Amino acid sequence: MERKQSRETICVQAGWQPKKGEPRVLPIYQSTTFKYDTSEQMGRMFDLEESGYFYTRLQNPTNDAVASKIAALEGGVGAMLTSSGQAASFYAIFNICSAGDHFVCTSAIYGGTFNLFAVTLEKLGIEVSFVDQDACDEKILAAFRPNTKALFGETIANPGLAVLDIEKMARIAHSQGVPLIVDNTFATPINCHPFEWGADIVIHSTTKYMDGHASTVGGAIVDSGNFDWDAHKDKFSGLTTPDESYHGLIYTQSFGKMAYITKATVQLMRDLGSIQSPNNAFIINLGLETLHLRMARHCENAQKVAEYLQKDERVAWIHYCGLKEDKYYELGQKYLPNGSCGVLTFGLKGGRDNSIRFMDNLQLAAIVTHVADARTSVLHPASHTHRQLSDEQLIAAGVAPDLIRFSVGIENADDIIADIEQALEKAY
């Protein structure tokens, strides 16, 4: 039996396999189109009878190599790159939901995703019900309807850092004949493997740790190949009945375990076009090659910072699942035994005003909207990403008015802590 490679090796070696005389480094195929000798050759690809490259909106060698690496890291059968994490979230749902459908989502998710699901998808006739991910099975099950098509959650919620009980959510979703879709951005496939706990689809904002250097925006969808769409034919007719735009092709019959990700590529990407540029995919690949090294340092540094803040009397509260006192410590040990991520949240005594004073006095850590960067960064959601909400609305959204989102980078941990210390001194 062939030995299965570790994720560390996959980060470096997977995706691009050069042949004799080809470049060792993944090339950027910066071309919109690809040449063929006969019209028949091109026609067979348009009919999905043959695989190949003919237009970069559908497939590109650079993008495919990176998608293949991400699929291998997650243990999936295939993946598709998108122009952003938001596009990945949209495509993951829209691939199986249409007007008149419904899905269930945990409430502790990224604000941009919340707005996409609650506002924009509603305009397309797709409804969502938000649930407390920590609620018992019965309360979560009560949100399901006959037209429910999926259950969605984040491995580590942004910015509240709630840890998803993936095994529980998979059990609930499968009992209702729908897939579990998990956003694994913060944990990355280095620290969490959702497919091993029953998730069916995984998405990423590759903008975050996968790139790791705040240099490019991107997203990815990974298909486990494990969900049996044909067992629920009536629910998922888009995958199990003829697609007239491809001469009546049925995805589950033609592509088997690759049905979901193939439909997302040849139908949604064809029509909506949120593609990732080959140049951006090349940059993502450079980040992936060191992902396993950086995640270890992010988690090591974040643990030190969290322990420092926990002991400081000026800190009112802190959330980081690496702390034994944290609400999600046990779930973190189950799903994230080697570390979670470099992001932690905390609040200062004195509330919002002290939080802002503290942030304004940081020197090493930069105030930016980005997160999960090699450089330490910080954000006050109540003043920035969620500034349109009242304090009551903030609390309802799981974002305390004094919440500081601190993304610990890969600098020296002592330098990061020293910066926090001097800023705290000036804030008080």
Protein backbone atom coordinates (compact mmCIF):
# COMPACT_ATOMS: atom_id res chain seq x y z
CA MET A 1 0.00 0.00 0.00
CA GLU A 2 1.31 3.44 -0.95
CA ARG A 3 2.22 5.54 2.07
CA LYS A 4 -0.06 8.51 2.63
CA GLN A 5 1.88 11.76 2.73
CA SER A 6 1.64 14.11 5.69
CA ARG A 7 0.05 17.51 5.33
CA GLU A 8 3.44 19.14 5.80
CA THR A 9 4.71 17.36 2.69
CA ILE A 10 1.49 18.07 0.79
CA CYS A 11 1.94 21.80 1.48
CA VAL A 12 5.28 21.72 -0.30
CA GLN A 13 4.91 19.00 -2.93
CA ALA A 14 1.27 18.60 -3.99
CA GLY A 15 -0.49 20.20 -6.93
CA TRP A 16 2.27 20.82 -9.47
CA GLN A 17 4.20 17.76 -10.63
CA PRO A 18 6.68 18.87 -13.31
CA LYS A 19 7.82 16.48 -16.01
CA LYS A 20 11.27 16.32 -17.54
CA GLY A 21 12.45 19.75 -18.54
CA GLU A 22 9.45 21.58 -17.06
CA PRO A 23 9.76 24.38 -14.47
CA ARG A 24 10.22 23.19 -10.88
CA VAL A 25 8.14 26.14 -9.64
CA LEU A 26 4.45 26.26 -10.58
CA PRO A 27 4.18 28.45 -13.70
CA ILE A 28 1.64 31.25 -14.07
CA TYR A 29 -0.50 30.35 -17.08
CA GLN A 30 -1.56 33.95 -17.71
CA SER A 31 -3.71 33.19 -20.72
CA THR A 32 -7.45 33.50 -21.17
CA THR A 33 -7.59 30.84 -23.86
CA PHE A 34 -5.99 27.63 -25.08
CA LYS A 35 -5.42 26.37 -28.64
CA TYR A 36 -6.75 23.18 -30.26
CA ASP A 37 -6.24 21.68 -33.69
CA THR A 38 -9.83 20.83 -34.61
CA SER A 39 -13.31 22.13 -33.92
CA GLU A 40 -14.33 18.65 -32.77
CA GLN A 41 -11.71 18.69 -30.00
CA MET A 42 -13.06 21.96 -28.67
CA GLY A 43 -16.67 20.80 -28.97
CA ARG A 44 -16.08 17.69 -26.88
CA MET A 45 -14.82 19.86 -24.03
CA PHE A 46 -17.80 22.19 -24.22
CA ASP A 47 -20.01 19.13 -23.90
CA LEU A 48 -17.96 17.91 -20.88
CA GLU A 49 -17.09 14.74 -22.76
CA GLU A 50 -13.37 15.43 -22.32
CA SER A 51 -11.39 17.34 -19.73
CA GLY A 52 -8.98 20.06 -20.73
CA TYR A 53 -8.39 23.78 -20.88
CA PHE A 54 -10.15 26.09 -23.28
CA TYR A 55 -11.09 29.21 -21.28
CA THR A 56 -9.68 30.37 -17.94
CA ARG A 57 -13.09 31.28 -16.51
CA LEU A 58 -13.74 27.55 -16.27
CA GLN A 59 -10.29 26.04 -15.80
CA ASN A 60 -6.67 27.12 -15.80
CA PRO A 61 -3.56 24.97 -15.16
CA THR A 62 -2.18 27.27 -12.45
CA ASN A 63 -5.51 27.44 -10.65
CA ASP A 64 -6.07 23.70 -10.96
CA ALA A 65 -2.69 22.90 -9.45
CA VAL A 66 -3.44 25.06 -6.41
CA ALA A 67 -6.98 23.72 -6.10
CA SER A 68 -5.56 20.20 -6.22
CA LYS A 69 -3.15 21.01 -3.39
CA ILE A 70 -5.94 22.44 -1.22
CA ALA A 71 -8.13 19.41 -1.94
CA ALA A 72 -5.27 17.13 -0.90
CA LEU A 73 -4.73 19.08 2.31
CA GLU A 74 -8.41 18.72 3.23
CA GLY A 75 -8.65 15.13 2.05
CA GLY A 76 -11.26 15.94 -0.60
CA VAL A 77 -11.85 14.60 -4.10
CA GLY A 78 -11.70 17.99 -5.79
CA ALA A 79 -11.70 21.73 -5.29
CA MET A 80 -12.44 24.98 -7.08
CA LEU A 81 -10.78 28.35 -6.55
CA THR A 82 -12.86 31.51 -6.40
CA SER A 83 -12.07 35.21 -6.50
CA SER A 84 -12.68 35.65 -2.76
CA GLY A 85 -13.86 33.87 0.36
CA GLN A 86 -17.23 35.58 -0.05
CA ALA A 87 -17.58 34.06 -3.51
CA ALA A 88 -16.78 30.63 -2.05
CA SER A 89 -19.48 31.04 0.59
CA PHE A 90 -22.01 32.11 -2.05
CA TYR A 91 -21.20 29.34 -4.52
CA ALA A 92 -21.17 26.66 -1.82
CA ILE A 93 -24.80 27.44 -0.97
CA PHE A 94 -26.07 28.49 -4.40
CA ASN A 95 -24.77 25.25 -5.92
CA ILE A 96 -27.56 23.34 -4.13
CA CYS A 97 -30.08 26.07 -3.23
CA SER A 98 -32.36 28.05 -5.52
CA ALA A 99 -35.42 30.28 -5.13
CA GLY A 100 -37.86 28.71 -2.67
CA ASP A 101 -35.18 26.77 -0.80
CA HIS A 102 -33.95 27.15 2.77
CA PHE A 103 -30.82 26.36 4.76
CA VAL A 104 -29.73 26.48 8.40
CA CYS A 105 -26.68 28.36 9.60
CA THR A 106 -24.98 28.94 12.93
CA SER A 107 -25.36 32.52 14.15
CA ALA A 108 -21.73 32.90 15.25
CA ILE A 109 -20.26 33.53 11.80
CA TYR A 110 -18.32 36.26 10.03
CA GLY A 111 -20.40 39.42 9.60
CA GLY A 112 -19.92 39.51 5.84
CA THR A 113 -21.21 35.95 5.52
CA PHE A 114 -24.13 36.76 7.82
CA ASN A 115 -25.14 39.66 5.58
CA LEU A 116 -24.71 37.55 2.42
CA PHE A 117 -26.97 34.85 3.80
CA ALA A 118 -29.57 37.00 5.59
CA VAL A 119 -29.92 39.86 3.11
CA THR A 120 -28.54 39.10 -0.34
CA LEU A 121 -29.64 35.46 -0.64
CA GLU A 122 -33.10 36.47 0.56
CA LYS A 123 -33.33 38.72 -2.50
CA LEU A 124 -32.74 35.57 -4.59
CA GLY A 125 -35.56 33.77 -2.79
CA ILE A 126 -33.32 31.62 -0.56
CA GLU A 127 -34.18 31.73 3.14
CA VAL A 128 -31.89 31.05 6.09
CA SER A 129 -32.55 30.26 9.74
CA PHE A 130 -29.81 31.07 12.25
CA VAL A 131 -29.27 28.79 15.22
CA ASP A 132 -27.14 28.75 18.35
CA GLN A 133 -24.45 26.16 17.58
CA ASP A 134 -24.15 25.32 21.27
CA ALA A 135 -27.87 24.48 21.57
CA CYS A 136 -29.04 20.89 21.96
CA ASP A 137 -29.89 18.74 18.94
CA GLU A 138 -33.62 19.27 19.39
CA LYS A 139 -33.41 23.07 19.23
CA ILE A 140 -31.21 22.99 16.13
CA LEU A 141 -33.41 20.39 14.46
CA ALA A 142 -36.44 22.63 15.06
CA ALA A 143 -35.00 25.07 12.50
CA PHE A 144 -35.12 22.50 9.68
CA ARG A 145 -37.93 22.49 7.12
CA PRO A 146 -38.94 20.15 4.30
CA ASN A 147 -37.16 22.50 1.85
CA THR A 148 -33.92 22.77 3.88
CA LYS A 149 -30.89 21.99 1.73
CA ALA A 150 -27.81 22.47 3.95
CA LEU A 151 -26.35 23.22 7.37
CA PHE A 152 -23.50 25.77 7.51
CA GLY A 153 -21.00 26.71 10.23
CA GLU A 154 -17.45 27.94 10.86
CA THR A 155 -14.80 25.74 12.50
CA ILE A 156 -13.64 28.76 14.53
CA ALA A 157 -16.11 31.62 14.33
CA ASN A 158 -14.93 35.07 13.26
CA PRO A 159 -14.73 37.14 15.45
CA GLY A 160 -16.32 35.40 18.46
CA LEU A 161 -13.99 32.33 18.24
CA ALA A 162 -16.70 29.81 19.10
CA VAL A 163 -15.51 26.29 18.19
CA LEU A 164 -17.97 24.26 16.13
CA ASP A 165 -18.91 20.78 17.29
CA ILE A 166 -18.46 19.34 13.80
CA GLU A 167 -19.42 15.78 14.70
CA LYS A 168 -22.69 16.96 16.28
CA MET A 169 -23.53 19.21 13.36
CA ALA A 170 -22.78 16.46 10.83
CA ARG A 171 -25.04 14.08 12.72
CA ILE A 172 -27.87 16.63 12.70
CA ALA A 173 -27.42 17.52 9.02
CA HIS A 174 -27.28 13.90 7.87
CA SER A 175 -30.35 12.98 9.90
CA GLN A 176 -32.21 15.49 7.74
CA GLY A 177 -30.65 14.35 4.47
CA VAL A 178 -28.56 17.46 3.88
CA PRO A 179 -24.80 18.15 3.74
CA LEU A 180 -22.77 19.96 6.37
CA ILE A 181 -20.76 22.86 4.91
CA VAL A 182 -17.90 24.11 7.09
CA ASP A 183 -15.80 27.25 6.72
CA ASN A 184 -12.36 26.08 7.85
CA THR A 185 -10.54 29.38 7.23
CA PHE A 186 -9.21 30.15 10.71
CA ALA A 187 -8.15 26.61 11.60
CA THR A 188 -6.81 25.70 8.14
CA PRO A 189 -6.40 22.04 7.15
CA ILE A 190 -3.19 22.02 9.17
CA ASN A 191 -5.06 22.26 12.48
CA CYS A 192 -8.54 20.87 11.71
CA HIS A 193 -9.81 18.19 9.35
CA PRO A 194 -13.62 18.63 9.08
CA PHE A 195 -14.11 15.74 6.63
CA GLU A 196 -12.80 13.31 9.25
CA TRP A 197 -15.62 14.43 11.56
CA GLY A 198 -18.41 14.12 9.00
CA ALA A 199 -18.44 17.45 7.16
CA ASP A 200 -19.25 17.18 3.45
CA ILE A 201 -18.10 20.47 1.93
CA VAL A 202 -15.32 22.76 3.20
CA ILE A 203 -14.73 26.34 2.14
CA HIS A 204 -11.85 28.74 2.72
CA SER A 205 -11.01 32.37 2.43
CA THR A 206 -7.54 31.74 1.08
CA THR A 207 -6.95 35.45 1.70
CA LYS A 208 -6.19 34.57 5.32
CA TYR A 209 -3.63 32.03 6.55
CA MET A 210 -3.27 30.19 3.25
CA ASP A 211 -1.82 33.30 1.66
CA GLY A 212 -0.59 34.50 5.03
CA HIS A 213 1.00 37.73 3.85
CA ALA A 214 -1.98 40.02 3.08
CA SER A 215 -0.96 40.06 -0.56
CA THR A 216 -3.90 38.56 -2.42
CA VAL A 217 -7.62 37.82 -2.11
CA GLY A 218 -9.09 34.41 -2.90
CA GLY A 219 -11.36 31.58 -1.88
CA ALA A 220 -11.77 27.83 -2.32
CA ILE A 221 -14.47 25.18 -2.14
CA VAL A 222 -13.47 21.57 -1.41
CA ASP A 223 -15.76 18.58 -2.00
CA SER A 224 -15.30 15.51 0.19
CA GLY A 225 -17.11 13.32 -2.32
CA ASN A 226 -18.86 11.62 0.60
CA PHE A 227 -22.39 12.98 0.44
CA ASP A 228 -24.83 10.71 -1.43
CA TRP A 229 -26.81 13.18 -3.53
CA ASP A 230 -28.71 10.39 -5.31
CA ALA A 231 -30.03 9.13 -1.98
CA HIS A 232 -31.93 12.43 -1.77
CA LYS A 233 -32.77 12.96 -5.43
CA ASP A 234 -35.82 15.11 -4.85
CA LYS A 235 -33.91 17.55 -2.62
CA PHE A 236 -30.99 17.99 -4.98
CA SER A 237 -32.54 17.92 -8.44
CA GLY A 238 -29.84 20.27 -9.75
CA LEU A 239 -27.36 17.42 -9.34
CA THR A 240 -29.63 14.44 -10.01
CA THR A 241 -31.78 15.53 -12.97
CA PRO A 242 -30.76 16.58 -16.49
CA ASP A 243 -29.00 19.94 -17.00
CA GLU A 244 -30.39 21.16 -20.30
CA SER A 245 -27.51 23.63 -20.69
CA TYR A 246 -25.31 20.55 -21.18
CA HIS A 247 -27.65 18.50 -23.40
CA GLY A 248 -29.36 16.76 -20.49
CA LEU A 249 -26.23 15.67 -18.63
CA ILE A 250 -26.86 14.43 -15.06
CA TYR A 251 -23.98 15.35 -12.77
CA THR A 252 -24.23 12.44 -10.34
CA GLN A 253 -24.34 9.93 -13.19
CA SER A 254 -21.54 11.49 -15.21
CA PHE A 255 -19.17 12.55 -12.45
CA GLY A 256 -19.97 10.40 -9.40
CA LYS A 257 -18.17 11.66 -6.31
CA MET A 258 -17.11 14.79 -8.23
CA ALA A 259 -20.71 15.80 -9.02
CA TYR A 260 -20.98 18.75 -6.62
CA ILE A 261 -17.64 20.40 -7.42
CA THR A 262 -18.04 19.76 -11.17
CA LYS A 263 -21.43 21.47 -11.20
CA ALA A 264 -20.01 24.42 -9.26
CA THR A 265 -17.27 24.79 -11.87
CA VAL A 266 -19.06 24.18 -15.16
CA GLN A 267 -22.37 25.79 -14.25
CA LEU A 268 -21.90 28.47 -11.57
CA MET A 269 -18.43 29.62 -12.59
CA ARG A 270 -19.47 29.54 -16.22
CA ASP A 271 -22.45 31.81 -15.54
CA LEU A 272 -21.31 33.99 -12.62
CA GLY A 273 -17.57 34.13 -13.27
CA SER A 274 -16.02 34.88 -9.86
CA ILE A 275 -12.74 33.35 -10.95
CA GLN A 276 -9.39 33.65 -9.27
CA SER A 277 -6.66 35.09 -11.46
CA PRO A 278 -3.74 32.72 -12.19
CA ASN A 279 -1.37 35.28 -10.71
CA ASN A 280 -3.31 35.28 -7.43
CA ALA A 281 -3.33 31.48 -7.40
CA PHE A 282 0.45 31.52 -7.83
CA ILE A 283 0.78 33.78 -4.77
CA ILE A 284 -1.56 31.55 -2.75
CA ASN A 285 0.63 28.58 -3.63
CA LEU A 286 3.71 30.32 -2.26
CA GLY A 287 1.82 30.81 1.00
CA LEU A 288 0.67 27.20 1.10
CA GLU A 289 4.26 25.97 0.92
CA THR A 290 4.95 27.44 4.37
CA LEU A 291 1.47 27.11 5.87
CA HIS A 292 2.46 24.26 8.20
CA LEU A 293 5.41 26.26 9.53
CA ARG A 294 3.52 29.50 10.01
CA MET A 295 0.48 27.97 11.71
CA ALA A 296 2.67 26.39 14.37
CA ARG A 297 4.27 29.77 15.11
CA HIS A 298 0.94 31.64 15.03
CA CYS A 299 -0.51 29.22 17.59
CA GLU A 300 2.60 29.24 19.78
CA ASN A 301 2.64 33.03 19.87
CA ALA A 302 -1.10 33.34 20.39
CA GLN A 303 -0.98 30.97 23.35
CA LYS A 304 1.73 33.10 24.99
CA VAL A 305 -0.21 36.31 24.35
CA ALA A 306 -3.45 34.77 25.62
CA GLU A 307 -1.78 33.60 28.84
CA TYR A 308 -0.25 37.04 29.35
CA LEU A 309 -3.59 38.82 28.86
CA GLN A 310 -5.41 36.35 31.09
CA LYS A 311 -3.19 37.36 34.00
CA ASP A 312 -3.43 41.13 33.45
CA GLU A 313 -5.86 42.81 35.85
CA ARG A 314 -6.77 45.42 33.23
CA VAL A 315 -8.27 42.72 30.98
CA ALA A 316 -11.97 42.11 31.65
CA TRP A 317 -12.28 38.91 29.65
CA ILE A 318 -10.51 36.85 26.98
CA HIS A 319 -11.57 34.18 24.49
CA TYR A 320 -9.03 31.67 23.17
CA CYS A 321 -9.74 27.95 23.14
CA GLY A 322 -6.13 27.18 24.07
CA LEU A 323 -6.84 28.45 27.60
CA LYS A 324 -8.13 25.75 29.96
CA GLU A 325 -10.68 28.17 31.40
CA ASP A 326 -12.17 28.93 27.96
CA LYS A 327 -15.71 27.80 27.21
CA TYR A 328 -14.50 25.99 24.09
CA TYR A 329 -11.37 24.40 25.53
CA GLU A 330 -12.75 20.84 25.42
CA LEU A 331 -14.03 21.19 21.85
CA GLY A 332 -10.69 22.72 20.95
CA GLN A 333 -8.87 19.71 22.36
CA LYS A 334 -11.13 17.41 20.34
CA TYR A 335 -11.00 19.14 16.97
CA LEU A 336 -7.86 21.27 17.25
CA PRO A 337 -5.40 19.23 19.34
CA ASN A 338 -2.33 20.80 17.73
CA GLY A 339 -3.51 24.39 18.07
CA SER A 340 -6.36 26.51 16.77
CA CYS A 341 -5.20 29.74 15.12
CA GLY A 342 -3.44 33.01 15.88
CA VAL A 343 -6.60 35.02 16.53
CA LEU A 344 -7.85 35.83 20.02
CA THR A 345 -10.42 38.28 21.35
CA PHE A 346 -10.54 40.19 24.60
CA GLY A 347 -12.10 43.18 26.30
CA LEU A 348 -10.62 45.76 28.64
CA LYS A 349 -12.02 47.08 31.88
CA GLY A 350 -13.53 50.47 31.18
CA GLY A 351 -15.25 49.32 28.01
CA ARG A 352 -15.15 50.61 24.47
CA ASP A 353 -13.26 53.86 25.14
CA ASN A 354 -10.35 52.05 26.78
CA SER A 355 -10.29 49.51 23.96
CA ILE A 356 -9.90 52.32 21.42
CA ARG A 357 -7.21 54.09 23.45
CA PHE A 358 -5.31 50.82 23.76
CA MET A 359 -5.44 50.16 20.03
CA ASP A 360 -4.41 53.69 19.11
CA ASN A 361 -1.25 53.28 21.18
CA LEU A 362 -0.08 50.01 19.67
CA GLN A 363 3.12 50.36 17.66
CA LEU A 364 4.02 46.90 16.37
CA ALA A 365 0.43 45.74 15.86
CA ALA A 366 -1.36 47.55 13.02
CA ILE A 367 -5.02 48.56 12.92
CA VAL A 368 -6.27 46.90 9.73
CA THR A 369 -9.42 45.16 8.50
CA HIS A 370 -7.36 42.10 7.64
CA VAL A 371 -6.77 39.12 9.91
CA ALA A 372 -4.57 36.00 9.88
CA ASP A 373 -1.50 37.79 8.56
CA ALA A 374 2.18 37.10 9.23
CA ARG A 375 2.19 40.54 10.85
CA THR A 376 0.30 41.15 14.09
CA SER A 377 -2.87 43.12 13.49
CA VAL A 378 -5.82 44.36 15.50
CA LEU A 379 -9.41 45.45 14.93
CA HIS A 380 -12.25 46.81 17.05
CA PRO A 381 -15.37 45.44 15.30
CA ALA A 382 -17.79 47.79 17.08
CA SER A 383 -15.88 50.77 15.66
CA HIS A 384 -15.00 49.24 12.29
CA THR A 385 -16.65 46.25 10.63
CA HIS A 386 -19.82 46.44 12.76
CA ARG A 387 -19.93 50.21 13.39
CA GLN A 388 -23.45 50.53 11.96
CA LEU A 389 -24.88 48.44 14.82
CA SER A 390 -26.11 49.65 18.20
CA ASP A 391 -24.70 48.09 21.39
CA GLU A 392 -27.83 45.95 21.65
CA GLN A 393 -27.44 44.75 18.06
CA LEU A 394 -23.75 44.07 18.63
CA ILE A 395 -24.50 41.81 21.58
CA ALA A 396 -27.22 40.01 19.60
CA ALA A 397 -24.65 39.38 16.87
CA GLY A 398 -22.18 37.98 19.41
CA VAL A 399 -19.86 40.98 19.16
CA ALA A 400 -19.38 42.70 22.52
CA PRO A 401 -18.96 46.50 22.27
CA ASP A 402 -15.55 46.22 23.93
CA LEU A 403 -14.36 43.25 21.84
CA ILE A 404 -10.84 43.59 20.44
CA ARG A 405 -9.90 41.11 17.72
CA PHE A 406 -6.16 40.55 18.01
CA SER A 407 -4.48 38.57 15.24
CA VAL A 408 -1.12 37.39 16.53
CA GLY A 409 1.58 37.27 13.87
CA ILE A 410 4.81 35.32 13.59
CA GLU A 411 7.11 37.95 15.06
CA ASN A 412 8.91 37.30 18.35
CA ALA A 413 6.25 36.73 21.00
CA ASP A 414 8.11 38.82 23.57
CA ASP A 415 8.04 41.79 21.21
CA ILE A 416 4.30 41.40 20.67
CA ILE A 417 3.67 41.23 24.42
CA ALA A 418 5.91 44.27 25.02
CA ASP A 419 3.83 46.23 22.52
CA ILE A 420 0.63 45.21 24.30
CA GLU A 421 2.12 46.19 27.65
CA GLN A 422 3.16 49.69 26.59
CA ALA A 423 -0.24 50.29 24.95
CA LEU A 424 -2.06 49.16 28.08
CA GLU A 425 0.06 51.53 30.17
CA LYS A 426 -0.92 54.45 27.95
CA ALA A 427 -4.60 53.43 27.85
CA TYR A 428 -4.90 53.66 31.61
